[in-house]
Amino acid sequence: MGISSKPIACLALSISLALAANPISAQKKEIQLPSLGDATSGIVSPQQEYKLGQAWARSFRAQVPTSVDAQLADYTEKLMAKLAEHSELHSKQLDIIMVENPTLNAFAVPGGVVGVHTGLFNYAQSEGQIAAVLAHELAHLSQRHFARGVEQQQRNTLPMLAALMTSLVIAATTSGDAGLAALSATQAAAIDAKLRFSRQNEQEADRIGIQTMAAAGLDPYQAPEMFEQMLKATQFSRRPPEFLLTHPVTEKRIADTRNRARRYVERPLPPSLDFHLMRSRVRLSLSETPSQAAKAFASELEGHSLLPEASRYGLLLSYIEMKEIKKAKEQLDILLEGKPDHVSYIIAKADLAAAAGNFDGALMDLRLALKKNPHNHPISVRLAELYMESGQYHRGEQLLVKHSRQRPHDTYVWYLLAEIHGLTGDILNLHQARAEYFILNGIYDKALHHLKLAQKMARGNYRLSTILEEKTRQVYNMIEDQKG
């Protein structure tokens, strides 16, 4: 029996509730994984999950600020791809949303959508720790916990209805207290069944997540370390981080996870430079002022730092924002001496040159870097931005048109492309790019407005008119799916 045709908005709410009841909690005895074939697929198919997830993602993007940091997105996507490759996911296609939010949070939505708050980088102390959270979320997806939750609800419906009917009969034929007691017992049984199912999901996700980490060559011992970091986060705040409201961490949970990690060979790994560089970027973005961040990074270099090279990078970026050109160059020279070809340092070098007014030097460095690293996302985006800043609009346009084909689901790429089409006077393609941007953000009325304007300008061009008509039809279908 297939899933009923409920509105996607209602199903999205079900997802939110299911995920809220799918925290990272205790652990489960080793058992064989349940077969997820016929039963769950008959209720919510993978194709329905994907469609639902994409609709939810569009709606979500419309309501929250998302990060435009291409380096942070690129790092997270590569780490997720590494984990996914060694996970039990049947489809490795993931849609990762980087949320501009300082809180500790990450979530997974059926259909391969994974959300990561930038603040997660601020809480994690290592790549292994952030990988532990992401691997856990991937486990929820690979085990199709949402579909199984729907199946469980349907399975429990008749018994619960029968019990409810019995309690109503008792309430009607006996004293009020007895009837209320029967009703309360029925409600408690329903809640207990849901909690038991949620705990089982969490235990399973813990186990599969650690297994995925080990298979990916990461240190599974970092999982309990991250959970300890989370527990500490609750001790210094009146309100726990958002992630912990739906993913409670207890001492037992930490102990269970540590015991599970001991089943694997311990493999202490050197600190990941890329992780710590991204962490420095996030810390700077979360600081009240670049000056405040500079003081913190400088203090670390003089005392204790998780990785001095990353602290120096953070100091460099802070100086660039402060327009302290000379101080920034001193830090950059030290970094380039050790790793002259590191992408983050090359982009920082271009940023420094641009801050000093040397756009020719900045563009030359990035063009050379892109030649060495074809299709590199952070380099492509920064080069396009600098083309815009330096008035070389047509070059930026050519670059972004190609890059949009590489990243058709990247909202910031479409935003930049629309802007640069406007600067070159290509109004037809401006409307098309803006339509793509608004579609990805679930703002369908504006998407249709720009598609209508594009269709007017495309009259006489049969091929393009056909493409625009098909895109318009797709948007109307998205609206209908949302309504149900």
Protein backbone atom coordinates (compact mmCIF):
# COMPACT_ATOMS: atom_id res chain seq x y z
CA MET A 1 0.00 0.00 0.00
CA GLY A 2 1.56 3.36 -1.04
CA ILE A 3 1.69 6.48 1.08
CA SER A 4 -1.44 8.59 1.03
CA SER A 5 -1.35 11.82 -0.97
CA LYS A 6 -0.97 14.19 1.98
CA PRO A 7 0.39 17.69 1.45
CA ILE A 8 4.15 17.91 1.39
CA ALA A 9 3.92 20.60 4.04
CA CYS A 10 2.27 18.08 6.41
CA LEU A 11 4.86 15.45 5.57
CA ALA A 12 7.62 17.98 6.16
CA LEU A 13 6.17 18.56 9.61
CA SER A 14 6.20 14.79 10.14
CA ILE A 15 9.87 14.79 9.19
CA SER A 16 10.61 17.52 11.70
CA LEU A 17 8.82 15.61 14.45
CA ALA A 18 10.46 12.34 13.49
CA LEU A 19 13.90 13.92 13.45
CA ALA A 20 13.25 15.66 16.75
CA ALA A 21 12.61 12.23 18.20
CA ASN A 22 15.73 10.85 16.52
CA PRO A 23 18.50 12.14 18.74
CA ILE A 24 22.00 10.74 19.27
CA SER A 25 21.38 8.76 22.47
CA ALA A 26 22.31 5.43 24.06
CA GLN A 27 23.41 2.26 22.31
CA LYS A 28 22.00 -1.01 21.18
CA LYS A 29 23.05 -4.67 21.37
CA GLU A 30 24.65 -6.03 18.22
CA ILE A 31 21.87 -7.38 16.03
CA GLN A 32 21.38 -7.98 12.35
CA LEU A 33 20.08 -4.95 10.51
CA PRO A 34 16.40 -5.24 9.63
CA SER A 35 15.42 -5.72 6.03
CA LEU A 36 14.30 -2.37 4.68
CA GLY A 37 12.95 -3.63 1.38
CA ASP A 38 9.29 -4.40 0.93
CA ALA A 39 7.74 -3.14 4.16
CA THR A 40 9.14 0.39 4.29
CA SER A 41 9.28 0.80 0.53
CA GLY A 42 5.57 0.03 0.40
CA ILE A 43 4.86 2.93 2.77
CA VAL A 44 7.40 5.56 1.67
CA SER A 45 9.46 4.69 -1.40
CA PRO A 46 13.02 6.04 -1.85
CA GLN A 47 11.70 8.07 -4.79
CA GLN A 48 9.02 9.65 -2.58
CA GLU A 49 11.61 10.33 0.12
CA TYR A 50 13.82 12.11 -2.41
CA LYS A 51 10.95 14.22 -3.74
CA LEU A 52 9.84 15.07 -0.22
CA GLY A 53 13.38 15.91 0.87
CA GLN A 54 13.96 18.26 -2.05
CA ALA A 55 10.66 20.05 -1.40
CA TRP A 56 11.57 20.39 2.26
CA ALA A 57 15.04 21.72 1.37
CA ARG A 58 13.58 24.41 -0.88
CA SER A 59 11.18 25.49 1.85
CA PHE A 60 13.94 25.44 4.46
CA ARG A 61 16.32 27.60 2.41
CA ALA A 62 13.59 30.21 2.10
CA GLN A 63 13.40 30.56 5.88
CA VAL A 64 16.99 30.44 7.14
CA PRO A 65 20.23 32.26 6.29
CA THR A 66 22.63 29.95 4.50
CA SER A 67 26.40 30.29 4.37
CA VAL A 68 28.04 31.66 1.20
CA ASP A 69 31.51 30.50 2.29
CA ALA A 70 32.58 28.36 -0.66
CA GLN A 71 35.61 26.99 1.17
CA LEU A 72 33.52 25.80 4.10
CA ALA A 73 30.95 24.23 1.76
CA ASP A 74 33.66 22.51 -0.27
CA TYR A 75 35.34 21.04 2.80
CA THR A 76 32.05 19.78 4.26
CA GLU A 77 30.93 18.27 0.96
CA LYS A 78 34.22 16.38 0.58
CA LEU A 79 34.07 15.06 4.12
CA MET A 80 30.45 14.00 3.62
CA ALA A 81 31.33 12.30 0.33
CA LYS A 82 34.11 10.36 2.07
CA LEU A 83 31.73 9.20 4.78
CA ALA A 84 28.92 8.43 2.33
CA GLU A 85 31.24 6.29 0.21
CA HIS A 86 31.82 4.02 3.23
CA SER A 87 28.26 4.17 4.54
CA GLU A 88 25.27 1.93 3.86
CA LEU A 89 23.54 4.58 1.76
CA HIS A 90 22.25 3.15 -1.51
CA SER A 91 22.32 6.57 -3.16
CA LYS A 92 25.41 8.65 -2.48
CA GLN A 93 23.73 11.79 -3.86
CA LEU A 94 23.52 14.28 -1.00
CA ASP A 95 22.19 17.83 -0.82
CA ILE A 96 24.16 19.64 1.88
CA ILE A 97 22.83 22.88 3.32
CA MET A 98 25.30 25.01 5.27
CA VAL A 99 23.24 27.06 7.72
CA GLU A 100 24.70 30.38 8.91
CA ASN A 101 24.04 29.79 12.59
CA PRO A 102 26.41 29.81 15.60
CA THR A 103 24.66 26.94 17.38
CA LEU A 104 25.75 23.32 17.61
CA ASN A 105 23.41 21.53 15.23
CA ALA A 106 23.18 19.14 12.30
CA PHE A 107 20.25 17.20 10.89
CA ALA A 108 19.31 14.76 8.16
CA VAL A 109 16.10 14.77 6.13
CA PRO A 110 14.85 11.83 4.01
CA GLY A 111 15.96 12.06 0.41
CA GLY A 112 19.61 12.77 1.16
CA VAL A 113 19.33 16.28 2.60
CA VAL A 114 21.85 17.07 5.34
CA GLY A 115 21.95 20.38 7.18
CA VAL A 116 25.04 21.58 9.03
CA HIS A 117 25.14 24.68 11.21
CA THR A 118 28.41 26.58 10.84
CA GLY A 119 28.57 26.70 14.64
CA LEU A 120 29.25 22.95 14.68
CA PHE A 121 32.81 23.76 13.57
CA ASN A 122 33.21 26.00 16.60
CA TYR A 123 32.28 23.21 19.02
CA ALA A 124 34.23 20.36 17.38
CA GLN A 125 37.91 20.13 18.23
CA SER A 126 38.95 17.81 15.39
CA GLU A 127 37.86 16.48 12.03
CA GLY A 128 37.00 13.18 13.69
CA GLN A 129 34.62 14.89 16.08
CA ILE A 130 32.66 16.65 13.37
CA ALA A 131 32.72 13.45 11.29
CA ALA A 132 31.11 11.60 14.23
CA VAL A 133 28.07 13.88 14.06
CA LEU A 134 27.83 13.70 10.27
CA ALA A 135 28.27 9.91 10.19
CA HIS A 136 25.47 9.57 12.72
CA GLU A 137 23.14 11.64 10.54
CA LEU A 138 24.07 9.58 7.47
CA ALA A 139 23.14 6.47 9.43
CA HIS A 140 19.63 7.84 9.94
CA LEU A 141 19.38 8.20 6.16
CA SER A 142 20.88 4.81 5.27
CA GLN A 143 18.59 2.99 7.70
CA ARG A 144 15.58 4.97 6.43
CA HIS A 145 14.44 5.82 9.93
CA PHE A 146 11.76 8.19 8.68
CA ALA A 147 10.12 5.50 6.52
CA ARG A 148 10.38 3.01 9.35
CA GLY A 149 8.85 5.59 11.68
CA VAL A 150 5.86 5.96 9.38
CA GLU A 151 5.57 2.16 9.23
CA GLN A 152 5.78 1.94 13.02
CA GLN A 153 3.06 4.56 13.43
CA GLN A 154 0.77 2.66 11.07
CA ARG A 155 1.54 -0.60 12.87
CA ASN A 156 0.66 0.91 16.24
CA THR A 157 -2.45 2.74 15.08
CA LEU A 158 -4.97 -0.11 15.34
CA PRO A 159 -3.78 -1.44 18.73
CA MET A 160 -3.76 2.09 20.13
CA LEU A 161 -7.21 2.83 18.70
CA ALA A 162 -8.52 -0.40 20.22
CA ALA A 163 -7.06 0.53 23.60
CA LEU A 164 -8.46 4.04 23.29
CA MET A 165 -11.94 2.68 22.49
CA THR A 166 -11.74 0.38 25.52
CA SER A 167 -10.73 3.25 27.80
CA LEU A 168 -13.59 5.39 26.45
CA VAL A 169 -16.04 2.57 27.22
CA ILE A 170 -14.60 2.34 30.75
CA ALA A 171 -14.95 6.10 31.13
CA ALA A 172 -18.57 5.93 30.05
CA THR A 173 -19.59 3.00 32.26
CA THR A 174 -17.54 3.43 35.44
CA SER A 175 -16.38 6.18 37.78
CA GLY A 176 -14.63 9.17 36.30
CA ASP A 177 -11.32 8.32 37.98
CA ALA A 178 -11.20 4.86 36.46
CA GLY A 179 -11.96 6.24 33.02
CA LEU A 180 -9.29 8.93 33.30
CA ALA A 181 -6.79 6.33 34.51
CA ALA A 182 -7.54 4.14 31.51
CA LEU A 183 -7.16 7.09 29.12
CA SER A 184 -3.88 8.13 30.75
CA ALA A 185 -2.56 4.57 30.52
CA THR A 186 -3.39 4.45 26.81
CA GLN A 187 -1.64 7.78 26.14
CA ALA A 188 1.38 6.70 28.18
CA ALA A 189 1.60 3.46 26.21
CA ALA A 190 1.57 5.39 22.93
CA ILE A 191 4.30 7.77 24.11
CA ASP A 192 6.38 4.89 25.47
CA ALA A 193 6.14 3.01 22.16
CA LYS A 194 7.31 6.09 20.25
CA LEU A 195 10.21 6.71 22.63
CA ARG A 196 11.29 3.07 22.48
CA PHE A 197 11.32 3.24 18.68
CA SER A 198 13.26 6.55 18.76
CA ARG A 199 15.85 5.14 21.16
CA GLN A 200 16.29 2.12 18.94
CA ASN A 201 16.91 4.41 15.97
CA GLU A 202 19.50 6.37 17.92
CA GLN A 203 21.28 3.28 19.13
CA GLU A 204 21.36 1.97 15.59
CA ALA A 205 22.61 5.30 14.21
CA ASP A 206 25.37 5.35 16.85
CA ARG A 207 26.50 1.88 15.86
CA ILE A 208 26.33 2.46 12.10
CA GLY A 209 27.96 5.89 12.43
CA ILE A 210 31.00 4.53 14.27
CA GLN A 211 31.21 1.69 11.75
CA THR A 212 31.19 4.23 8.92
CA MET A 213 33.93 6.31 10.55
CA ALA A 214 36.18 3.27 10.92
CA ALA A 215 35.55 2.19 7.31
CA ALA A 216 36.38 5.70 6.09
CA GLY A 217 39.76 5.62 7.84
CA LEU A 218 38.74 8.03 10.60
CA ASP A 219 39.30 7.45 14.30
CA PRO A 220 36.05 6.04 15.85
CA TYR A 221 37.34 7.07 19.29
CA GLN A 222 36.55 10.64 18.26
CA ALA A 223 32.82 9.87 18.57
CA PRO A 224 32.81 9.64 22.39
CA GLU A 225 35.18 12.62 22.46
CA MET A 226 32.62 14.69 20.54
CA PHE A 227 29.84 13.57 22.83
CA GLU A 228 31.90 14.72 25.80
CA GLN A 229 32.29 18.11 24.08
CA MET A 230 28.52 18.23 23.74
CA LEU A 231 28.01 17.36 27.38
CA LYS A 232 30.35 20.18 28.38
CA ALA A 233 28.32 22.54 26.21
CA THR A 234 25.27 21.85 28.37
CA GLN A 235 27.14 22.65 31.58
CA PHE A 236 27.91 26.26 30.68
CA SER A 237 24.59 27.30 29.23
CA ARG A 238 21.11 27.77 30.63
CA ARG A 239 19.68 26.37 27.44
CA PRO A 240 21.46 23.43 25.81
CA PRO A 241 22.56 23.78 22.16
CA GLU A 242 19.73 23.07 19.72
CA PHE A 243 21.29 19.77 18.64
CA LEU A 244 21.21 18.46 22.21
CA LEU A 245 17.51 19.20 22.59
CA THR A 246 16.82 16.46 20.05
CA HIS A 247 20.07 14.49 20.52
CA PRO A 248 20.49 14.14 24.31
CA VAL A 249 23.91 13.06 25.54
CA THR A 250 24.33 11.25 28.84
CA GLU A 251 27.26 9.71 30.68
CA LYS A 252 25.86 6.30 29.76
CA ARG A 253 25.71 7.31 26.12
CA ILE A 254 29.36 8.35 26.20
CA ALA A 255 30.39 5.13 27.95
CA ASP A 256 28.41 3.00 25.48
CA THR A 257 29.95 4.81 22.52
CA ARG A 258 33.45 4.41 23.95
CA ASN A 259 32.87 0.67 24.43
CA ARG A 260 31.68 0.44 20.86
CA ALA A 261 34.75 2.30 19.57
CA ARG A 262 37.03 -0.16 21.42
CA ARG A 263 35.91 -2.87 19.02
CA TYR A 264 37.98 -1.16 16.34
CA VAL A 265 41.72 -0.70 16.14
CA GLU A 266 42.63 2.68 17.59
CA ARG A 267 44.21 4.84 14.92
CA PRO A 268 45.28 8.22 16.28
CA LEU A 269 45.52 10.57 13.32
CA PRO A 270 47.45 13.83 13.00
CA PRO A 271 45.28 16.97 13.19
CA SER A 272 43.53 17.77 9.91
CA LEU A 273 44.88 21.09 8.67
CA ASP A 274 41.87 21.65 6.41
CA PHE A 275 39.43 21.15 9.28
CA HIS A 276 41.28 23.58 11.52
CA LEU A 277 41.52 26.16 8.72
CA MET A 278 37.74 25.96 8.26
CA ARG A 279 37.28 26.22 12.02
CA SER A 280 39.34 29.43 12.00
CA ARG A 281 37.13 30.83 9.23
CA VAL A 282 34.01 30.08 11.26
CA ARG A 283 35.48 31.57 14.42
CA LEU A 284 36.27 34.80 12.57
CA SER A 285 32.75 34.95 11.13
CA LEU A 286 31.29 34.51 14.62
CA SER A 287 33.46 37.18 16.24
CA GLU A 288 31.91 40.55 16.99
CA THR A 289 34.79 42.31 15.21
CA PRO A 290 37.88 41.25 13.22
CA SER A 291 39.96 42.99 15.89
CA GLN A 292 38.50 40.76 18.58
CA ALA A 293 39.25 37.67 16.49
CA ALA A 294 42.81 38.88 15.81
CA LYS A 295 43.47 39.16 19.55
CA ALA A 296 42.22 35.62 20.13
CA PHE A 297 44.31 34.12 17.32
CA ALA A 298 47.43 36.07 18.36
CA SER A 299 46.97 34.88 21.94
CA GLU A 300 46.83 31.27 20.74
CA LEU A 301 50.08 31.66 18.83
CA GLU A 302 51.72 32.92 22.00
CA GLY A 303 50.24 30.21 24.18
CA HIS A 304 48.08 27.16 23.48
CA SER A 305 46.63 26.40 20.03
CA LEU A 306 44.97 23.26 18.69
CA LEU A 307 47.03 23.85 15.54
CA PRO A 308 49.30 26.93 15.35
CA GLU A 309 49.17 27.02 11.55
CA ALA A 310 45.38 27.39 11.67
CA SER A 311 45.63 30.11 14.32
CA ARG A 312 48.05 31.97 12.07
CA TYR A 313 45.60 31.61 9.17
CA GLY A 314 42.82 33.04 11.33
CA LEU A 315 45.10 35.93 12.28
CA LEU A 316 45.89 36.53 8.59
CA LEU A 317 42.21 36.67 7.64
CA SER A 318 41.48 39.00 10.56
CA TYR A 319 44.23 41.39 9.46
CA ILE A 320 42.91 41.36 5.88
CA GLU A 321 39.44 42.38 7.10
CA MET A 322 41.05 45.07 9.25
CA LYS A 323 43.01 46.36 6.20
CA GLU A 324 46.25 45.76 8.14
CA ILE A 325 48.10 44.98 4.91
CA LYS A 326 51.64 44.82 6.29
CA LYS A 327 50.74 42.63 9.26
CA ALA A 328 48.69 40.35 7.03
CA LYS A 329 51.57 39.92 4.58
CA GLU A 330 53.90 38.87 7.41
CA GLN A 331 51.52 36.05 8.37
CA LEU A 332 50.87 35.06 4.75
CA ASP A 333 54.57 34.77 3.95
CA ILE A 334 55.05 32.34 6.83
CA LEU A 335 52.14 30.18 5.66
CA LEU A 336 53.18 30.17 2.00
CA GLU A 337 56.72 29.21 2.93
CA GLY A 338 55.43 25.89 4.24
CA LYS A 339 52.61 25.19 1.77
CA PRO A 340 52.78 27.46 -1.29
CA ASP A 341 50.11 25.51 -3.22
CA HIS A 342 47.44 25.23 -0.54
CA VAL A 343 44.16 26.53 -1.99
CA SER A 344 43.14 28.41 1.16
CA TYR A 345 46.47 30.25 1.25
CA ILE A 346 46.33 31.08 -2.47
CA ILE A 347 42.84 32.56 -2.04
CA ALA A 348 44.04 34.47 1.03
CA LYS A 349 46.93 35.81 -1.03
CA ALA A 350 44.46 37.02 -3.66
CA ASP A 351 42.27 38.57 -0.96
CA LEU A 352 45.25 40.43 0.43
CA ALA A 353 46.27 41.69 -3.01
CA ALA A 354 42.70 42.87 -3.68
CA ALA A 355 42.56 44.58 -0.26
CA ALA A 356 45.75 46.44 -1.25
CA GLY A 357 44.18 47.47 -4.57
CA ASN A 358 46.25 45.06 -6.68
CA PHE A 359 43.42 43.36 -8.60
CA ASP A 360 45.68 42.33 -11.47
CA GLY A 361 47.89 40.36 -9.10
CA ALA A 362 44.91 38.81 -7.32
CA LEU A 363 43.27 37.71 -10.58
CA MET A 364 46.51 36.33 -11.98
CA ASP A 365 47.06 34.18 -8.86
CA LEU A 366 43.54 32.78 -8.97
CA ARG A 367 43.55 32.11 -12.71
CA LEU A 368 46.79 30.14 -12.31
CA ALA A 369 45.35 28.28 -9.32
CA LEU A 370 42.18 27.38 -11.27
CA LYS A 371 44.32 26.08 -14.13
CA LYS A 372 46.09 23.78 -11.66
CA ASN A 373 42.80 22.86 -9.96
CA PRO A 374 40.11 22.70 -12.69
CA HIS A 375 36.51 23.27 -11.55
CA ASN A 376 37.64 23.98 -7.98
CA HIS A 377 34.61 25.50 -6.29
CA PRO A 378 36.26 27.95 -3.84
CA ILE A 379 38.70 29.23 -6.45
CA SER A 380 35.96 29.61 -9.08
CA VAL A 381 33.68 31.56 -6.75
CA ARG A 382 36.39 33.88 -5.46
CA LEU A 383 37.71 34.51 -8.97
CA ALA A 384 34.17 35.37 -10.14
CA GLU A 385 33.70 37.72 -7.20
CA LEU A 386 36.96 39.50 -7.98
CA TYR A 387 36.04 39.77 -11.66
CA MET A 388 32.90 41.58 -10.51
CA GLU A 389 34.77 43.80 -8.05
CA SER A 390 37.32 44.77 -10.71
CA GLY A 391 34.70 45.48 -13.39
CA GLN A 392 35.63 42.51 -15.64
CA TYR A 393 32.04 41.41 -15.92
CA HIS A 394 32.18 39.37 -19.12
CA ARG A 395 35.03 37.21 -17.83
CA GLY A 396 33.14 36.60 -14.62
CA GLU A 397 30.01 35.78 -16.60
CA GLN A 398 31.81 33.16 -18.70
CA LEU A 399 33.27 31.55 -15.60
CA LEU A 400 29.97 31.42 -13.69
CA VAL A 401 28.00 30.04 -16.64
CA LYS A 402 30.40 27.08 -16.73
CA HIS A 403 30.43 26.76 -12.96
CA SER A 404 26.62 26.74 -12.71
CA ARG A 405 26.65 23.59 -14.84
CA GLN A 406 29.00 21.99 -12.33
CA ARG A 407 26.86 23.09 -9.36
CA PRO A 408 23.23 23.44 -10.54
CA HIS A 409 21.90 23.26 -6.95
CA ASP A 410 24.15 25.94 -5.50
CA THR A 411 22.04 28.97 -4.61
CA TYR A 412 25.01 31.32 -4.24
CA VAL A 413 26.35 30.46 -7.70
CA TRP A 414 22.95 31.33 -9.22
CA TYR A 415 22.81 34.52 -7.17
CA LEU A 416 26.22 35.62 -8.46
CA LEU A 417 25.35 34.64 -12.01
CA ALA A 418 22.15 36.71 -11.93
CA GLU A 419 24.08 39.70 -10.60
CA ILE A 420 26.77 39.49 -13.25
CA HIS A 421 24.23 38.99 -16.07
CA GLY A 422 22.70 42.26 -14.93
CA LEU A 423 26.09 43.96 -15.00
CA THR A 424 26.76 42.76 -18.57
CA GLY A 425 23.27 43.80 -19.68
CA ASP A 426 22.15 40.22 -20.45
CA ILE A 427 18.64 40.69 -19.06
CA LEU A 428 17.15 37.50 -20.53
CA ASN A 429 19.69 35.30 -18.77
CA LEU A 430 19.41 37.46 -15.65
CA HIS A 431 15.75 36.43 -15.41
CA GLN A 432 16.61 32.78 -15.97
CA ALA A 433 19.31 32.80 -13.30
CA ARG A 434 17.06 34.57 -10.81
CA ALA A 435 14.32 32.03 -11.50
CA GLU A 436 16.73 29.19 -10.70
CA TYR A 437 17.79 30.98 -7.51
CA PHE A 438 14.21 31.49 -6.33
CA ILE A 439 13.23 27.89 -7.21
CA LEU A 440 16.04 26.52 -5.06
CA ASN A 441 14.88 28.78 -2.25
CA GLY A 442 11.24 27.76 -2.56
CA ILE A 443 10.08 31.28 -3.46
CA TYR A 444 7.89 30.15 -6.32
CA ASP A 445 5.94 33.34 -6.99
CA LYS A 446 9.15 35.25 -7.73
CA ALA A 447 10.49 32.35 -9.79
CA LEU A 448 7.35 32.41 -11.96
CA HIS A 449 7.61 36.19 -12.28
CA HIS A 450 11.13 35.94 -13.72
CA LEU A 451 10.21 33.00 -15.95
CA LYS A 452 7.31 35.02 -17.37
CA LEU A 453 9.63 37.95 -18.12
CA ALA A 454 12.15 35.60 -19.72
CA GLN A 455 9.42 34.03 -21.90
CA LYS A 456 8.41 37.46 -23.20
CA MET A 457 12.00 38.19 -24.19
CA ALA A 458 12.45 34.74 -25.75
CA ARG A 459 9.57 35.07 -28.24
CA GLY A 460 10.74 33.87 -31.63
CA ASN A 461 13.30 31.50 -30.11
CA TYR A 462 11.44 28.18 -30.22
CA ARG A 463 14.08 26.12 -28.39
CA LEU A 464 14.48 28.54 -25.50
CA SER A 465 10.72 29.15 -25.26
CA THR A 466 10.18 25.38 -24.94
CA ILE A 467 12.79 25.17 -22.16
CA LEU A 468 11.19 28.05 -20.27
CA GLU A 469 7.70 26.56 -20.64
CA GLU A 470 8.92 23.26 -19.24
CA LYS A 471 10.61 25.01 -16.32
CA THR A 472 7.39 26.93 -15.63
CA ARG A 473 5.42 23.68 -15.63
CA GLN A 474 7.89 22.18 -13.14
CA VAL A 475 7.42 25.14 -10.80
CA TYR A 476 3.63 24.80 -10.92
CA ASN A 477 4.05 21.09 -10.09
CA MET A 478 6.21 22.04 -7.10
CA ILE A 479 3.49 24.39 -5.90
CA GLU A 480 0.83 21.69 -6.29
CA ASP A 481 2.99 19.17 -4.43
CA GLN A 482 3.37 21.67 -1.63
CA LYS A 483 -0.38 22.17 -1.40
CA GLY A 484 -1.16 18.47 -1.65
